[in-house]
Amino acid sequence: MIIRKLDQVEKTGVDIPGVKGITKQLVLGSSDGVPNFSIRVFTLEPGGHSPHHTHEVEHLNVILSGQGALMDESGAANPLIQGDFAFVAPHEVHQFRNTSETEDFVFICAVPKEYE
């Protein structure tokens, strides 16, 4: 059994093309012996976003705080707020955006551990 407090998990910058203002916390992952999924928490500062991208694995997301949008392939914004859940299927083009001018947008992103 592992119990971990989010505020005790190190934040690291996300330095890939198309990213603006994002930090990541690997809350539970393969180094903890987690057998299937890794739990990551992303914080997007106001104006922050991920790239428009796709990959081979699904994402299971839970919004912890703030407000944002999950952009689809057409560029349509699907609003997200605290308490919302979002599923991104494999190969689905997507982008997360913080739509607030003043608050961080924070969400859990669970992925297969090989993709952490």
Protein backbone atom coordinates (compact mmCIF):
# COMPACT_ATOMS: atom_id res chain seq x y z
CA MET A 1 0.00 0.00 0.00
CA ILE A 2 1.24 3.48 -0.86
CA ILE A 3 -0.22 6.73 0.44
CA ARG A 4 1.24 9.96 -0.83
CA LYS A 5 0.34 13.64 -0.37
CA LEU A 6 0.27 15.63 -3.61
CA ASP A 7 1.97 18.65 -2.02
CA GLN A 8 4.94 16.41 -1.17
CA VAL A 9 5.51 15.25 -4.77
CA GLU A 10 8.17 17.14 -6.73
CA LYS A 11 6.99 19.31 -9.62
CA THR A 12 9.03 19.11 -12.82
CA GLY A 13 8.76 21.24 -15.92
CA VAL A 14 7.40 19.74 -19.13
CA ASP A 15 9.86 20.63 -21.86
CA ILE A 16 8.52 19.37 -25.17
CA PRO A 17 7.63 21.32 -28.32
CA GLY A 18 4.24 23.02 -28.16
CA VAL A 19 4.04 23.13 -24.34
CA LYS A 20 3.52 26.38 -22.48
CA GLY A 21 3.42 26.79 -18.70
CA ILE A 22 3.01 23.18 -17.51
CA THR A 23 4.45 21.29 -14.56
CA LYS A 24 4.04 17.58 -13.88
CA GLN A 25 4.00 15.54 -10.70
CA LEU A 26 4.44 11.77 -10.96
CA VAL A 27 2.35 10.76 -7.96
CA LEU A 28 2.44 6.98 -8.48
CA GLY A 29 4.36 5.16 -11.16
CA SER A 30 6.43 2.21 -12.22
CA SER A 31 9.19 3.00 -9.71
CA ASP A 32 6.57 2.47 -6.98
CA GLY A 33 5.71 -0.97 -8.32
CA VAL A 34 2.33 0.12 -9.69
CA PRO A 35 1.31 -2.73 -12.01
CA ASN A 36 -0.79 -1.03 -14.70
CA PHE A 37 -1.39 2.73 -14.60
CA SER A 38 0.73 5.71 -13.62
CA ILE A 39 -0.94 8.65 -11.91
CA ARG A 40 0.34 12.06 -12.96
CA VAL A 41 -0.90 15.50 -11.98
CA PHE A 42 -0.47 18.36 -14.42
CA THR A 43 -0.69 22.03 -13.47
CA LEU A 44 -1.23 24.50 -16.29
CA GLU A 45 -0.61 28.13 -15.37
CA PRO A 46 -2.95 30.78 -16.80
CA GLY A 47 -2.54 30.69 -20.57
CA GLY A 48 -0.75 27.33 -20.36
CA HIS A 49 -1.40 24.47 -22.78
CA SER A 50 -0.16 21.15 -24.06
CA PRO A 51 0.58 20.66 -27.75
CA HIS A 52 -2.11 19.41 -30.15
CA HIS A 53 -0.99 15.80 -30.21
CA THR A 54 -1.94 12.15 -30.34
CA HIS A 55 -0.42 8.93 -29.04
CA GLU A 56 -1.04 5.22 -28.83
CA VAL A 57 -2.45 5.07 -25.29
CA GLU A 58 -5.59 6.24 -23.56
CA HIS A 59 -5.69 8.98 -20.93
CA LEU A 60 -8.09 8.97 -17.98
CA ASN A 61 -8.42 12.49 -16.55
CA VAL A 62 -10.03 14.04 -13.47
CA ILE A 63 -10.11 17.82 -13.04
CA LEU A 64 -8.97 18.84 -9.54
CA SER A 65 -9.22 22.63 -9.78
CA GLY A 66 -9.47 25.59 -12.09
CA GLN A 67 -11.08 25.74 -15.49
CA GLY A 68 -9.82 24.63 -18.82
CA ALA A 69 -10.71 23.07 -22.10
CA LEU A 70 -9.99 19.83 -23.88
CA MET A 71 -9.53 20.72 -27.52
CA ASP A 72 -10.45 18.15 -30.16
CA GLU A 73 -9.08 17.54 -33.65
CA SER A 74 -11.27 20.26 -35.18
CA GLY A 75 -10.11 22.82 -32.60
CA ALA A 76 -13.43 22.79 -30.74
CA ALA A 77 -13.09 23.59 -27.02
CA ASN A 78 -14.80 21.21 -24.60
CA PRO A 79 -14.99 23.07 -21.25
CA LEU A 80 -13.68 21.37 -18.10
CA ILE A 81 -14.11 22.36 -14.46
CA GLN A 82 -13.42 20.83 -11.06
CA GLY A 83 -15.04 17.42 -10.71
CA ASP A 84 -15.23 16.68 -14.44
CA PHE A 85 -13.87 13.46 -15.90
CA ALA A 86 -12.46 13.18 -19.42
CA PHE A 87 -11.40 10.17 -21.46
CA VAL A 88 -9.01 10.56 -24.40
CA ALA A 89 -8.93 7.48 -26.63
CA PRO A 90 -5.78 6.14 -28.27
CA HIS A 91 -4.87 8.06 -31.47
CA GLU A 92 -7.36 10.85 -30.66
CA VAL A 93 -5.95 14.31 -31.38
CA HIS A 94 -6.26 16.49 -28.28
CA GLN A 95 -4.89 19.46 -26.37
CA PHE A 96 -5.42 20.66 -22.80
CA ARG A 97 -5.68 24.43 -22.25
CA ASN A 98 -6.05 26.61 -19.17
CA THR A 99 -8.86 29.04 -19.99
CA SER A 100 -8.49 31.14 -16.82
CA GLU A 101 -6.53 34.37 -16.73
CA THR A 102 -5.87 34.10 -12.98
CA GLU A 103 -6.04 30.49 -11.74
CA ASP A 104 -4.04 27.34 -12.33
CA PHE A 105 -5.80 24.44 -14.08
CA VAL A 106 -4.91 21.18 -12.31
CA PHE A 107 -5.85 17.66 -13.37
CA ILE A 108 -5.00 14.03 -12.82
CA CYS A 109 -3.91 12.14 -15.90
CA ALA A 110 -3.72 8.35 -15.59
CA VAL A 111 -1.90 6.48 -18.34
CA PRO A 112 -0.48 2.97 -18.78
CA LYS A 113 2.73 2.87 -16.75
CA GLU A 114 4.86 2.38 -19.86
CA TYR A 115 3.84 5.87 -20.99
CA GLU A 116 4.47 7.75 -17.73
